[in-house]
Amino acid sequence: MTINSESILNDVEKIRKNAPLVHNITNYVVMNTTANALLALGASPVMAHALPEVEEMAGIAWALVINIGTLSDAWIEAMFKAAKKATIRQIPIIIDPVGVGATQYRTRTARELIQASAPSIIRGNGSEIMALCEQDITTKGVDSTSASDQAIDSARALALEFDCVVCITGKIDYIVSQEAMIQVKNGHAMMPRVTGLGCTATALCGAFAAVNQDFDKAAAHAMAVMGIAGEMAAQNAQGPGTLQINFIDSLYQLSETHIKELFND
């Protein structure tokens, strides 16, 4: 399976036309960045984690993104409630197992979440995907200690067990399902220096999955757009701080010309 500039652009245009509501239960560190990224691309983000409203919000969303970066017992309960509602409505569920392998608490939480409500897409770095697959892997906080290609077998096992798409991000992004594997080679070396861009990748998966039920391609398109925007942002960046600002602007400015010229197929 492959993607091309035309298929990427088609999904970007769908997002901009429909402004899909993407319900995020995410972490304190990245709320502002992910919300602005979704807005810049053309989606409609909502960050809602309060127990009295998560089911209602999941009841009107086009996609649900769950990110376990800053856990608490109340937030975990909200994640399970929202995921159950999303499953009933058959909207995409995207899970980001941030820091799985670092502590038993977050590793157990992530595994229980995907077992309770099978996700459409799991997006993580190499170490997170390997740890989620119950391999004896530890992470360096939330940073990966394993290259993305080292996690391909783990991704295949997860994809088979939960009938989902697994997106491993790194120098090369691998989108793995039971049927196929897609590689995305866009991006810039400075991107890992900006906290929250991995979480932003997950949020963008939510936007693309909201408009494309072929979740292999949705995840691949999201990673391509992330990488292209990162390359655009790096052109005039002085360092990670300006890269972050430029990245949001690049998502907003992203055009057919940018995609055709920069997509690395």
C-alpha atoms as a PDB file:
ATOM      1  CA  MET A   1       0.000   0.000   0.000  1.00  0.00           C
ATOM      2  CA  THR A   2       1.239   3.483  -0.856  1.00  0.00           C
ATOM      3  CA  ILE A   3       0.123   7.059  -0.493  1.00  0.00           C
ATOM      4  CA  ASN A   4       0.781  10.002  -2.783  1.00  0.00           C
ATOM      5  CA  SER A   5       0.517  13.774  -2.803  1.00  0.00           C
ATOM      6  CA  GLU A   6      -2.975  13.645  -4.319  1.00  0.00           C
ATOM      7  CA  SER A   7      -4.365  11.375  -1.594  1.00  0.00           C
ATOM      8  CA  ILE A   8      -2.773  13.528   1.125  1.00  0.00           C
ATOM      9  CA  LEU A   9      -4.218  16.709  -0.368  1.00  0.00           C
ATOM     10  CA  ASN A  10      -7.659  15.116  -0.695  1.00  0.00           C
ATOM     11  CA  ASP A  11      -7.804  14.432   3.047  1.00  0.00           C
ATOM     12  CA  VAL A  12      -6.446  17.881   3.921  1.00  0.00           C
ATOM     13  CA  GLU A  13      -9.209  19.437   1.838  1.00  0.00           C
ATOM     14  CA  LYS A  14     -11.825  17.261   3.576  1.00  0.00           C
ATOM     15  CA  ILE A  15     -10.584  18.429   6.970  1.00  0.00           C
ATOM     16  CA  ARG A  16     -10.684  22.078   5.910  1.00  0.00           C
ATOM     17  CA  LYS A  17     -14.141  21.717   4.401  1.00  0.00           C
ATOM     18  CA  ASN A  18     -15.772  19.784   7.251  1.00  0.00           C
ATOM     19  CA  ALA A  19     -13.845  21.039  10.325  1.00  0.00           C
ATOM     20  CA  PRO A  20     -14.337  17.710  12.146  1.00  0.00           C
ATOM     21  CA  LEU A  21     -14.727  17.916  15.914  1.00  0.00           C
ATOM     22  CA  VAL A  22     -11.814  16.038  17.479  1.00  0.00           C
ATOM     23  CA  HIS A  23     -12.327  15.244  21.175  1.00  0.00           C
ATOM     24  CA  ASN A  24      -8.983  15.170  22.979  1.00  0.00           C
ATOM     25  CA  ILE A  25      -8.377  13.787  26.449  1.00  0.00           C
ATOM     26  CA  THR A  26      -4.754  14.734  26.503  1.00  0.00           C
ATOM     27  CA  ASN A  27      -2.042  15.991  28.833  1.00  0.00           C
ATOM     28  CA  TYR A  28      -1.357  19.388  30.362  1.00  0.00           C
ATOM     29  CA  VAL A  29       1.984  19.746  28.590  1.00  0.00           C
ATOM     30  CA  VAL A  30       0.575  19.652  25.056  1.00  0.00           C
ATOM     31  CA  MET A  31      -2.991  20.960  25.200  1.00  0.00           C
ATOM     32  CA  ASN A  32      -2.172  24.350  23.699  1.00  0.00           C
ATOM     33  CA  THR A  33       0.108  22.985  20.982  1.00  0.00           C
ATOM     34  CA  THR A  34      -2.236  20.214  19.864  1.00  0.00           C
ATOM     35  CA  ALA A  35      -5.301  22.449  19.903  1.00  0.00           C
ATOM     36  CA  ASN A  36      -3.537  25.089  17.814  1.00  0.00           C
ATOM     37  CA  ALA A  37      -2.202  22.466  15.395  1.00  0.00           C
ATOM     38  CA  LEU A  38      -5.672  21.040  14.819  1.00  0.00           C
ATOM     39  CA  LEU A  39      -7.108  24.531  14.340  1.00  0.00           C
ATOM     40  CA  ALA A  40      -4.328  25.532  11.960  1.00  0.00           C
ATOM     41  CA  LEU A  41      -4.954  22.478   9.800  1.00  0.00           C
ATOM     42  CA  GLY A  42      -8.696  23.149   9.744  1.00  0.00           C
ATOM     43  CA  ALA A  43     -10.130  20.738  12.324  1.00  0.00           C
ATOM     44  CA  SER A  44     -12.139  21.719  15.385  1.00  0.00           C
ATOM     45  CA  PRO A  45     -10.457  20.638  18.644  1.00  0.00           C
ATOM     46  CA  VAL A  46     -12.049  20.262  22.047  1.00  0.00           C
ATOM     47  CA  MET A  47     -10.094  19.392  25.191  1.00  0.00           C
ATOM     48  CA  ALA A  48     -12.620  17.834  27.566  1.00  0.00           C
ATOM     49  CA  HIS A  49     -11.776  15.457  30.401  1.00  0.00           C
ATOM     50  CA  ALA A  50     -14.320  16.257  33.141  1.00  0.00           C
ATOM     51  CA  LEU A  51     -16.276  13.160  34.137  1.00  0.00           C
ATOM     52  CA  PRO A  52     -19.734  14.806  33.876  1.00  0.00           C
ATOM     53  CA  GLU A  53     -19.251  15.705  30.209  1.00  0.00           C
ATOM     54  CA  VAL A  54     -16.860  13.279  28.505  1.00  0.00           C
ATOM     55  CA  GLU A  55     -19.576  10.889  27.333  1.00  0.00           C
ATOM     56  CA  GLU A  56     -21.682  13.731  25.981  1.00  0.00           C
ATOM     57  CA  MET A  57     -18.680  15.231  24.190  1.00  0.00           C
ATOM     58  CA  ALA A  58     -17.723  11.859  22.713  1.00  0.00           C
ATOM     59  CA  GLY A  59     -21.347  11.663  21.614  1.00  0.00           C
ATOM     60  CA  ILE A  60     -20.921  14.559  19.183  1.00  0.00           C
ATOM     61  CA  ALA A  61     -17.255  14.178  18.190  1.00  0.00           C
ATOM     62  CA  TRP A  62     -16.008  12.830  14.877  1.00  0.00           C
ATOM     63  CA  ALA A  63     -12.996  11.190  16.535  1.00  0.00           C
ATOM     64  CA  LEU A  64     -11.639  10.602  20.046  1.00  0.00           C
ATOM     65  CA  VAL A  65      -7.951  11.046  20.889  1.00  0.00           C
ATOM     66  CA  ILE A  66      -6.710   9.655  24.216  1.00  0.00           C
ATOM     67  CA  ASN A  67      -3.233  10.634  25.399  1.00  0.00           C
ATOM     68  CA  ILE A  68      -1.964   9.273  28.738  1.00  0.00           C
ATOM     69  CA  GLY A  69       0.860  11.757  29.212  1.00  0.00           C
ATOM     70  CA  THR A  70      -0.254  13.235  32.558  1.00  0.00           C
ATOM     71  CA  LEU A  71      -2.336  10.584  34.278  1.00  0.00           C
ATOM     72  CA  SER A  72      -4.625  10.776  37.279  1.00  0.00           C
ATOM     73  CA  ASP A  73      -7.266   8.345  38.493  1.00  0.00           C
ATOM     74  CA  ALA A  74     -10.085  10.731  37.562  1.00  0.00           C
ATOM     75  CA  TRP A  75      -8.706  11.231  34.062  1.00  0.00           C
ATOM     76  CA  ILE A  76      -8.334   7.492  33.581  1.00  0.00           C
ATOM     77  CA  GLU A  77     -11.986   7.000  34.486  1.00  0.00           C
ATOM     78  CA  ALA A  78     -12.899   9.713  31.980  1.00  0.00           C
ATOM     79  CA  MET A  79     -10.821   7.996  29.289  1.00  0.00           C
ATOM     80  CA  PHE A  80     -12.675   4.715  29.777  1.00  0.00           C
ATOM     81  CA  LYS A  81     -16.084   6.433  29.723  1.00  0.00           C
ATOM     82  CA  ALA A  82     -15.325   8.402  26.580  1.00  0.00           C
ATOM     83  CA  ALA A  83     -13.839   5.362  24.825  1.00  0.00           C
ATOM     84  CA  LYS A  84     -16.907   3.284  25.625  1.00  0.00           C
ATOM     85  CA  LYS A  85     -19.154   5.958  24.119  1.00  0.00           C
ATOM     86  CA  ALA A  86     -16.931   6.258  21.051  1.00  0.00           C
ATOM     87  CA  THR A  87     -17.053   2.486  20.565  1.00  0.00           C
ATOM     88  CA  ILE A  88     -20.846   2.508  20.716  1.00  0.00           C
ATOM     89  CA  ARG A  89     -20.947   5.303  18.118  1.00  0.00           C
ATOM     90  CA  GLN A  90     -18.267   3.623  15.998  1.00  0.00           C
ATOM     91  CA  ILE A  91     -16.152   6.744  15.681  1.00  0.00           C
ATOM     92  CA  PRO A  92     -12.352   6.430  15.463  1.00  0.00           C
ATOM     93  CA  ILE A  93     -10.407   6.057  18.708  1.00  0.00           C
ATOM     94  CA  ILE A  94      -6.751   7.052  18.622  1.00  0.00           C
ATOM     95  CA  ILE A  95      -4.561   6.174  21.599  1.00  0.00           C
ATOM     96  CA  ASP A  96      -1.161   7.630  22.451  1.00  0.00           C
ATOM     97  CA  PRO A  97       0.559   5.436  25.088  1.00  0.00           C
ATOM     98  CA  VAL A  98       2.924   8.167  26.274  1.00  0.00           C
ATOM     99  CA  GLY A  99       5.760   6.821  28.404  1.00  0.00           C
ATOM    100  CA  VAL A 100       4.544   3.222  28.459  1.00  0.00           C
ATOM    101  CA  GLY A 101       7.332   1.165  29.973  1.00  0.00           C
ATOM    102  CA  ALA A 102       8.443   3.967  32.311  1.00  0.00           C
ATOM    103  CA  THR A 103       6.115   3.018  35.189  1.00  0.00           C
ATOM    104  CA  GLN A 104       3.757   0.166  35.952  1.00  0.00           C
ATOM    105  CA  TYR A 105       0.886   2.643  36.413  1.00  0.00           C
ATOM    106  CA  ARG A 106       0.948   4.026  32.883  1.00  0.00           C
ATOM    107  CA  THR A 107       1.822   0.699  31.278  1.00  0.00           C
ATOM    108  CA  ARG A 108      -1.121  -1.004  32.979  1.00  0.00           C
ATOM    109  CA  THR A 109      -3.446   1.887  32.119  1.00  0.00           C
ATOM    110  CA  ALA A 110      -2.560   1.845  28.422  1.00  0.00           C
ATOM    111  CA  ARG A 111      -2.981  -1.915  28.108  1.00  0.00           C
ATOM    112  CA  GLU A 112      -6.318  -1.883  29.927  1.00  0.00           C
ATOM    113  CA  LEU A 113      -7.567   0.948  27.709  1.00  0.00           C
ATOM    114  CA  ILE A 114      -6.860  -0.815  24.442  1.00  0.00           C
ATOM    115  CA  GLN A 115      -8.297  -4.061  25.797  1.00  0.00           C
ATOM    116  CA  ALA A 116     -11.519  -2.368  26.918  1.00  0.00           C
ATOM    117  CA  SER A 117     -12.092  -0.367  23.722  1.00  0.00           C
ATOM    118  CA  ALA A 118     -10.143  -1.482  20.686  1.00  0.00           C
ATOM    119  CA  PRO A 119      -8.545   1.571  19.079  1.00  0.00           C
ATOM    120  CA  SER A 120      -8.562   2.458  15.404  1.00  0.00           C
ATOM    121  CA  ILE A 121      -4.995   3.781  15.610  1.00  0.00           C
ATOM    122  CA  ILE A 122      -2.235   3.489  18.214  1.00  0.00           C
ATOM    123  CA  ARG A 123       0.507   6.099  17.742  1.00  0.00           C
ATOM    124  CA  GLY A 124       3.747   5.897  19.697  1.00  0.00           C
ATOM    125  CA  ASN A 125       7.523   5.878  19.470  1.00  0.00           C
ATOM    126  CA  GLY A 126       9.501   2.668  19.136  1.00  0.00           C
ATOM    127  CA  SER A 127       9.973   2.022  22.851  1.00  0.00           C
ATOM    128  CA  GLU A 128       6.322   2.709  23.653  1.00  0.00           C
ATOM    129  CA  ILE A 129       5.046   0.330  20.991  1.00  0.00           C
ATOM    130  CA  MET A 130       7.434  -2.413  22.117  1.00  0.00           C
ATOM    131  CA  ALA A 131       6.524  -1.941  25.802  1.00  0.00           C
ATOM    132  CA  LEU A 132       2.818  -1.913  24.945  1.00  0.00           C
ATOM    133  CA  CYS A 133       3.335  -5.294  23.306  1.00  0.00           C
ATOM    134  CA  GLU A 134       4.507  -6.562  26.725  1.00  0.00           C
ATOM    135  CA  GLN A 135       8.131  -6.754  25.758  1.00  0.00           C
ATOM    136  CA  ASP A 136      10.682  -6.082  28.502  1.00  0.00           C
ATOM    137  CA  ILE A 137      11.349  -2.547  27.333  1.00  0.00           C
ATOM    138  CA  THR A 138      11.770   0.567  29.434  1.00  0.00           C
ATOM    139  CA  THR A 139      11.570   4.141  28.217  1.00  0.00           C
ATOM    140  CA  LYS A 140      13.700   7.121  29.131  1.00  0.00           C
ATOM    141  CA  GLY A 141      10.819   9.060  30.674  1.00  0.00           C
ATOM    142  CA  VAL A 142       8.669   9.705  27.618  1.00  0.00           C
ATOM    143  CA  ASP A 143      11.585   9.514  25.162  1.00  0.00           C
ATOM    144  CA  SER A 144      12.263   6.502  22.991  1.00  0.00           C
ATOM    145  CA  THR A 145      15.292   4.334  23.540  1.00  0.00           C
ATOM    146  CA  SER A 146      14.499   2.250  20.448  1.00  0.00           C
ATOM    147  CA  ALA A 147      14.492   3.196  16.772  1.00  0.00           C
ATOM    148  CA  SER A 148      11.162   3.018  14.968  1.00  0.00           C
ATOM    149  CA  ASP A 149      12.210   0.061  12.804  1.00  0.00           C
ATOM    150  CA  GLN A 150      12.973  -2.021  15.919  1.00  0.00           C
ATOM    151  CA  ALA A 151       9.280  -1.923  16.838  1.00  0.00           C
ATOM    152  CA  ILE A 152       7.822  -3.234  13.569  1.00  0.00           C
ATOM    153  CA  ASP A 153       7.287  -6.790  14.831  1.00  0.00           C
ATOM    154  CA  SER A 154       5.617  -5.458  17.991  1.00  0.00           C
ATOM    155  CA  ALA A 155       3.404  -3.218  15.865  1.00  0.00           C
ATOM    156  CA  ARG A 156       2.361  -6.173  13.737  1.00  0.00           C
ATOM    157  CA  ALA A 157       1.465  -8.162  16.849  1.00  0.00           C
ATOM    158  CA  LEU A 158      -0.647  -5.296  18.219  1.00  0.00           C
ATOM    159  CA  ALA A 159      -2.323  -4.759  14.857  1.00  0.00           C
ATOM    160  CA  LEU A 160      -3.247  -8.430  14.704  1.00  0.00           C
ATOM    161  CA  GLU A 161      -4.474  -8.645  18.295  1.00  0.00           C
ATOM    162  CA  PHE A 162      -6.633  -5.517  18.229  1.00  0.00           C
ATOM    163  CA  ASP A 163      -7.425  -5.272  14.495  1.00  0.00           C
ATOM    164  CA  CYS A 164      -6.047  -1.757  14.432  1.00  0.00           C
ATOM    165  CA  VAL A 165      -3.429   0.402  12.759  1.00  0.00           C
ATOM    166  CA  VAL A 166      -0.178   1.012  14.636  1.00  0.00           C
ATOM    167  CA  CYS A 167       1.819   4.119  13.796  1.00  0.00           C
ATOM    168  CA  ILE A 168       5.460   4.086  14.949  1.00  0.00           C
ATOM    169  CA  THR A 169       7.068   7.498  14.712  1.00  0.00           C
ATOM    170  CA  GLY A 170      10.775   8.163  14.446  1.00  0.00           C
ATOM    171  CA  LYS A 171      13.350   9.075  11.818  1.00  0.00           C
ATOM    172  CA  ILE A 172      11.168   6.989   9.515  1.00  0.00           C
ATOM    173  CA  ASP A 173       7.502   6.578  10.407  1.00  0.00           C
ATOM    174  CA  TYR A 174       5.999   3.118   9.956  1.00  0.00           C
ATOM    175  CA  ILE A 175       2.247   2.637   9.660  1.00  0.00           C
ATOM    176  CA  VAL A 176       1.477  -1.024  10.256  1.00  0.00           C
ATOM    177  CA  SER A 177      -1.743  -3.014   9.961  1.00  0.00           C
ATOM    178  CA  GLN A 178      -2.709  -6.609   9.253  1.00  0.00           C
ATOM    179  CA  GLU A 179      -2.873  -5.821   5.543  1.00  0.00           C
ATOM    180  CA  ALA A 180       0.038  -3.504   4.881  1.00  0.00           C
ATOM    181  CA  MET A 181       2.945  -1.365   5.991  1.00  0.00           C
ATOM    182  CA  ILE A 182       3.532   2.195   4.811  1.00  0.00           C
ATOM    183  CA  GLN A 183       6.741   4.154   5.350  1.00  0.00           C
ATOM    184  CA  VAL A 184       6.768   7.946   5.647  1.00  0.00           C
ATOM    185  CA  LYS A 185      10.160   9.623   5.388  1.00  0.00           C
ATOM    186  CA  ASN A 186       9.340  13.302   5.810  1.00  0.00           C
ATOM    187  CA  GLY A 187      10.401  15.339   8.828  1.00  0.00           C
ATOM    188  CA  HIS A 188      13.325  17.288  10.277  1.00  0.00           C
ATOM    189  CA  ALA A 189      15.970  16.408  12.852  1.00  0.00           C
ATOM    190  CA  MET A 190      14.992  19.366  15.052  1.00  0.00           C
ATOM    191  CA  MET A 191      11.420  18.145  15.576  1.00  0.00           C
ATOM    192  CA  PRO A 192      12.218  15.812  18.524  1.00  0.00           C
ATOM    193  CA  ARG A 193      13.614  18.878  20.335  1.00  0.00           C
ATOM    194  CA  VAL A 194      10.108  20.340  20.623  1.00  0.00           C
ATOM    195  CA  THR A 195       8.031  18.799  23.383  1.00  0.00           C
ATOM    196  CA  GLY A 196       4.601  17.678  22.334  1.00  0.00           C
ATOM    197  CA  LEU A 197       5.118  17.170  18.605  1.00  0.00           C
ATOM    198  CA  GLY A 198       4.631  13.423  19.046  1.00  0.00           C
ATOM    199  CA  CYS A 199       1.371  14.129  20.826  1.00  0.00           C
ATOM    200  CA  THR A 200       0.489  16.526  18.017  1.00  0.00           C
ATOM    201  CA  ALA A 201       1.046  13.702  15.536  1.00  0.00           C
ATOM    202  CA  THR A 202      -1.519  11.662  17.451  1.00  0.00           C
ATOM    203  CA  ALA A 203      -4.018  14.515  17.421  1.00  0.00           C
ATOM    204  CA  LEU A 204      -3.581  14.905  13.662  1.00  0.00           C
ATOM    205  CA  CYS A 205      -4.235  11.181  13.281  1.00  0.00           C
ATOM    206  CA  GLY A 206      -7.584  11.938  14.897  1.00  0.00           C
ATOM    207  CA  ALA A 207      -8.365  14.662  12.363  1.00  0.00           C
ATOM    208  CA  PHE A 208      -7.450  12.488   9.387  1.00  0.00           C
ATOM    209  CA  ALA A 209      -9.266   9.426  10.755  1.00  0.00           C
ATOM    210  CA  ALA A 210     -12.351  11.607  11.171  1.00  0.00           C
ATOM    211  CA  VAL A 211     -12.533  12.110   7.400  1.00  0.00           C
ATOM    212  CA  ASN A 212     -10.971   8.875   6.112  1.00  0.00           C
ATOM    213  CA  GLN A 213     -12.151   5.495   7.369  1.00  0.00           C
ATOM    214  CA  ASP A 214      -9.158   3.800   5.721  1.00  0.00           C
ATOM    215  CA  PHE A 215      -7.108   4.174   8.883  1.00  0.00           C
ATOM    216  CA  ASP A 216      -3.838   3.000   7.281  1.00  0.00           C
ATOM    217  CA  LYS A 217      -3.988   5.908   4.887  1.00  0.00           C
ATOM    218  CA  ALA A 218      -5.374   8.311   7.482  1.00  0.00           C
ATOM    219  CA  ALA A 219      -2.390   7.710   9.776  1.00  0.00           C
ATOM    220  CA  ALA A 220       0.072   7.851   6.884  1.00  0.00           C
ATOM    221  CA  HIS A 221      -1.417  11.111   5.627  1.00  0.00           C
ATOM    222  CA  ALA A 222      -1.181  12.579   9.117  1.00  0.00           C
ATOM    223  CA  MET A 223       2.492  11.619   9.388  1.00  0.00           C
ATOM    224  CA  ALA A 224       3.245  13.013   5.945  1.00  0.00           C
ATOM    225  CA  VAL A 225       1.618  16.335   6.838  1.00  0.00           C
ATOM    226  CA  MET A 226       3.500  16.408  10.151  1.00  0.00           C
ATOM    227  CA  GLY A 227       6.794  15.830   8.368  1.00  0.00           C
ATOM    228  CA  ILE A 228       6.140  18.307   5.568  1.00  0.00           C
ATOM    229  CA  ALA A 229       5.078  21.011   8.038  1.00  0.00           C
ATOM    230  CA  GLY A 230       8.183  20.277  10.102  1.00  0.00           C
ATOM    231  CA  GLU A 231      10.413  20.704   7.070  1.00  0.00           C
ATOM    232  CA  MET A 232       8.685  23.949   6.154  1.00  0.00           C
ATOM    233  CA  ALA A 233       9.011  25.194   9.734  1.00  0.00           C
ATOM    234  CA  ALA A 234      12.715  24.379   9.933  1.00  0.00           C
ATOM    235  CA  GLN A 235      13.609  26.480   6.907  1.00  0.00           C
ATOM    236  CA  ASN A 236      13.561  29.727   8.891  1.00  0.00           C
ATOM    237  CA  ALA A 237      13.796  28.410  12.462  1.00  0.00           C
ATOM    238  CA  GLN A 238      16.524  29.667  14.777  1.00  0.00           C
ATOM    239  CA  GLY A 239      16.016  26.707  17.095  1.00  0.00           C
ATOM    240  CA  PRO A 240      13.267  24.601  18.707  1.00  0.00           C
ATOM    241  CA  GLY A 241      11.314  27.641  19.939  1.00  0.00           C
ATOM    242  CA  THR A 242      10.852  29.225  16.550  1.00  0.00           C
ATOM    243  CA  LEU A 243      10.360  25.798  14.986  1.00  0.00           C
ATOM    244  CA  GLN A 244       7.290  25.292  17.203  1.00  0.00           C
ATOM    245  CA  ILE A 245       5.801  28.628  16.166  1.00  0.00           C
ATOM    246  CA  ASN A 246       6.661  28.081  12.513  1.00  0.00           C
ATOM    247  CA  PHE A 247       5.157  24.595  12.632  1.00  0.00           C
ATOM    248  CA  ILE A 248       1.692  25.928  13.487  1.00  0.00           C
ATOM    249  CA  ASP A 249       1.986  28.512  10.719  1.00  0.00           C
ATOM    250  CA  SER A 250       3.141  25.828   8.278  1.00  0.00           C
ATOM    251  CA  LEU A 251       0.058  23.700   8.940  1.00  0.00           C
ATOM    252  CA  TYR A 252      -2.082  26.766   8.243  1.00  0.00           C
ATOM    253  CA  GLN A 253      -0.166  27.650   5.056  1.00  0.00           C
ATOM    254  CA  LEU A 254       0.083  24.067   3.772  1.00  0.00           C
ATOM    255  CA  SER A 255      -0.845  24.008   0.100  1.00  0.00           C
ATOM    256  CA  GLU A 256      -0.984  21.664  -2.845  1.00  0.00           C
ATOM    257  CA  THR A 257       2.376  23.025  -3.974  1.00  0.00           C
ATOM    258  CA  HIS A 258       4.008  22.296  -0.607  1.00  0.00           C
ATOM    259  CA  ILE A 259       2.685  18.745  -0.572  1.00  0.00           C
ATOM    260  CA  LYS A 260       3.714  18.012  -4.163  1.00  0.00           C
ATOM    261  CA  GLU A 261       7.175  19.506  -3.756  1.00  0.00           C
ATOM    262  CA  LEU A 262       8.046  18.190  -0.304  1.00  0.00           C
ATOM    263  CA  PHE A 263       6.327  14.807   0.063  1.00  0.00           C
ATOM    264  CA  ASN A 264       9.072  12.200   0.084  1.00  0.00           C
ATOM    265  CA  ASP A 265       7.606   9.196  -1.725  1.00  0.00           C
END
